[in-house]
Amino acid sequence: MDLNSIMSMQLSDLQQTVQMSVLQNAMNMQTVGVIQLLDQMPEQPQATHPFKGTIIDAQV
């Protein structure tokens, strides 16, 4: 194998590594952004059950 092909393979590996690193950093930043948005959301009121606790089944 000549030097050019070895360097070409190493460059290709390096480019792939950098692309994966950039992708991972972007995903981490998006995750942090989503977590911040969720933390800033106003708290939703608890929905009450439509009939739980108001109907009594008194079959004998």
N, C-alpha and C. Protein backbone atom coordinates (compact mmCIF):
# COMPACT_ATOMS: atom_id res chain seq x y z
N MET A 1 0.85 -1.18 0.00
CA MET A 1 0.00 0.00 0.00
C MET A 1 0.89 1.25 0.00
N ASP A 2 0.58 2.19 -0.83
CA ASP A 2 1.40 3.39 -0.88
C ASP A 2 0.92 4.42 0.14
N LEU A 3 1.74 5.40 0.33
CA LEU A 3 1.48 6.43 1.35
C LEU A 3 0.20 7.20 1.07
N ASN A 4 -0.08 7.48 -0.21
CA ASN A 4 -1.28 8.25 -0.56
C ASN A 4 -2.56 7.52 -0.17
N SER A 5 -2.61 6.23 -0.40
CA SER A 5 -3.83 5.48 -0.06
C SER A 5 -4.00 5.37 1.45
N ILE A 6 -2.90 5.22 2.18
CA ILE A 6 -2.97 5.18 3.65
C ILE A 6 -3.49 6.51 4.18
N MET A 7 -2.94 7.60 3.68
CA MET A 7 -3.37 8.93 4.14
C MET A 7 -4.81 9.20 3.74
N SER A 8 -5.21 8.73 2.58
CA SER A 8 -6.59 8.91 2.14
C SER A 8 -7.56 8.18 3.06
N MET A 9 -7.21 6.95 3.44
CA MET A 9 -8.06 6.20 4.35
C MET A 9 -8.13 6.88 5.72
N GLN A 10 -7.00 7.37 6.22
CA GLN A 10 -6.98 8.05 7.50
C GLN A 10 -7.80 9.33 7.46
N LEU A 11 -7.72 10.06 6.35
CA LEU A 11 -8.50 11.28 6.20
C LEU A 11 -9.99 10.97 6.18
N SER A 12 -10.35 9.91 5.50
CA SER A 12 -11.76 9.50 5.45
C SER A 12 -12.26 9.14 6.85
N ASP A 13 -11.45 8.39 7.60
CA ASP A 13 -11.82 8.04 8.97
C ASP A 13 -11.95 9.28 9.85
N LEU A 14 -11.03 10.22 9.69
CA LEU A 14 -11.07 11.45 10.46
C LEU A 14 -12.33 12.27 10.13
N GLN A 15 -12.66 12.35 8.85
CA GLN A 15 -13.86 13.09 8.45
C GLN A 15 -15.11 12.46 9.05
N GLN A 16 -15.17 11.14 9.04
CA GLN A 16 -16.34 10.47 9.63
C GLN A 16 -16.41 10.72 11.13
N THR A 17 -15.27 10.68 11.80
CA THR A 17 -15.23 10.92 13.24
C THR A 17 -15.70 12.34 13.56
N VAL A 18 -15.23 13.31 12.78
CA VAL A 18 -15.63 14.71 13.00
C VAL A 18 -17.12 14.88 12.75
N GLN A 19 -17.63 14.26 11.69
CA GLN A 19 -19.06 14.37 11.39
C GLN A 19 -19.89 13.79 12.53
N MET A 20 -19.48 12.64 13.06
CA MET A 20 -20.22 12.03 14.17
C MET A 20 -20.15 12.91 15.41
N SER A 21 -18.99 13.51 15.65
CA SER A 21 -18.84 14.39 16.81
C SER A 21 -19.74 15.61 16.68
N VAL A 22 -19.77 16.21 15.49
CA VAL A 22 -20.63 17.38 15.27
C VAL A 22 -22.09 17.00 15.43
N LEU A 23 -22.48 15.84 14.88
CA LEU A 23 -23.85 15.37 15.01
C LEU A 23 -24.22 15.15 16.46
N GLN A 24 -23.33 14.52 17.23
CA GLN A 24 -23.60 14.27 18.64
C GLN A 24 -23.75 15.59 19.41
N ASN A 25 -22.88 16.56 19.13
CA ASN A 25 -22.97 17.86 19.80
C ASN A 25 -24.28 18.56 19.46
N ALA A 26 -24.70 18.48 18.21
CA ALA A 26 -25.97 19.10 17.80
C ALA A 26 -27.14 18.43 18.51
N MET A 27 -27.11 17.12 18.61
CA MET A 27 -28.19 16.40 19.30
C MET A 27 -28.22 16.78 20.78
N ASN A 28 -27.05 16.90 21.39
CA ASN A 28 -26.99 17.27 22.81
C ASN A 28 -27.55 18.67 23.01
N MET A 29 -27.22 19.60 22.10
CA MET A 29 -27.73 20.97 22.23
C MET A 29 -29.24 21.00 22.06
N GLN A 30 -29.77 20.19 21.13
CA GLN A 30 -31.21 20.13 20.94
C GLN A 30 -31.89 19.53 22.16
N THR A 31 -31.26 18.53 22.75
CA THR A 31 -31.83 17.91 23.95
C THR A 31 -31.89 18.91 25.09
N VAL A 32 -30.83 19.67 25.26
CA VAL A 32 -30.80 20.70 26.31
C VAL A 32 -31.89 21.73 26.04
N GLY A 33 -32.06 22.12 24.78
CA GLY A 33 -33.10 23.09 24.44
C GLY A 33 -34.49 22.57 24.74
N VAL A 34 -34.75 21.31 24.44
CA VAL A 34 -36.06 20.73 24.73
C VAL A 34 -36.31 20.66 26.23
N ILE A 35 -35.29 20.29 26.98
CA ILE A 35 -35.44 20.21 28.44
C ILE A 35 -35.75 21.60 29.01
N GLN A 36 -35.06 22.62 28.50
CA GLN A 36 -35.33 23.98 28.97
C GLN A 36 -36.76 24.41 28.63
N LEU A 37 -37.22 24.08 27.42
CA LEU A 37 -38.60 24.41 27.05
C LEU A 37 -39.60 23.71 27.96
N LEU A 38 -39.34 22.45 28.26
CA LEU A 38 -40.26 21.71 29.14
C LEU A 38 -40.26 22.29 30.55
N ASP A 39 -39.09 22.72 31.02
CA ASP A 39 -39.02 23.32 32.35
C ASP A 39 -39.76 24.66 32.40
N GLN A 40 -39.80 25.38 31.29
CA GLN A 40 -40.44 26.70 31.26
C GLN A 40 -41.95 26.63 31.05
N MET A 41 -42.45 25.45 30.69
CA MET A 41 -43.89 25.33 30.44
C MET A 41 -44.66 25.55 31.74
N PRO A 42 -45.79 26.25 31.64
CA PRO A 42 -46.60 26.39 32.85
C PRO A 42 -47.18 25.04 33.24
N GLU A 43 -47.36 24.87 34.54
CA GLU A 43 -47.87 23.58 35.02
C GLU A 43 -49.34 23.43 34.63
N GLN A 44 -49.66 22.28 34.09
CA GLN A 44 -51.03 22.01 33.65
C GLN A 44 -51.87 21.58 34.86
N PRO A 45 -53.12 22.06 34.92
CA PRO A 45 -53.98 21.63 36.03
C PRO A 45 -54.34 20.15 35.88
N GLN A 46 -54.53 19.50 37.00
CA GLN A 46 -54.89 18.09 36.97
C GLN A 46 -56.33 17.93 36.52
N ALA A 47 -56.55 17.08 35.55
CA ALA A 47 -57.91 16.82 35.06
C ALA A 47 -58.62 15.91 36.05
N THR A 48 -59.85 16.26 36.35
CA THR A 48 -60.62 15.41 37.26
C THR A 48 -61.30 14.31 36.47
N HIS A 49 -61.50 13.20 37.13
CA HIS A 49 -62.17 12.08 36.50
C HIS A 49 -63.64 12.43 36.35
N PRO A 50 -64.27 12.11 35.20
CA PRO A 50 -65.65 12.58 34.96
C PRO A 50 -66.68 12.02 35.93
N PHE A 51 -66.47 10.81 36.48
CA PHE A 51 -67.49 10.30 37.39
C PHE A 51 -66.91 9.60 38.61
N LYS A 52 -65.63 9.45 38.71
CA LYS A 52 -65.04 8.75 39.85
C LYS A 52 -65.32 9.52 41.13
N GLY A 53 -65.90 8.82 42.10
CA GLY A 53 -66.20 9.43 43.38
C GLY A 53 -67.58 10.10 43.43
N THR A 54 -68.31 10.12 42.32
CA THR A 54 -69.63 10.75 42.35
C THR A 54 -70.75 9.74 42.12
N ILE A 55 -70.43 8.56 41.60
CA ILE A 55 -71.44 7.55 41.35
C ILE A 55 -71.21 6.38 42.27
N ILE A 56 -72.28 5.94 42.90
CA ILE A 56 -72.19 4.79 43.81
C ILE A 56 -73.03 3.67 43.22
N ASP A 57 -72.46 2.51 43.02
CA ASP A 57 -73.17 1.36 42.50
C ASP A 57 -73.69 0.57 43.70
N ALA A 58 -74.99 0.64 43.93
CA ALA A 58 -75.60 0.03 45.10
C ALA A 58 -76.47 -1.14 44.73
N GLN A 59 -75.99 -2.01 43.87
CA GLN A 59 -76.79 -3.20 43.52
C GLN A 59 -76.73 -4.21 44.67
N VAL A 60 -77.87 -4.86 44.88
CA VAL A 60 -77.93 -5.82 45.98
C VAL A 60 -78.20 -7.19 45.43
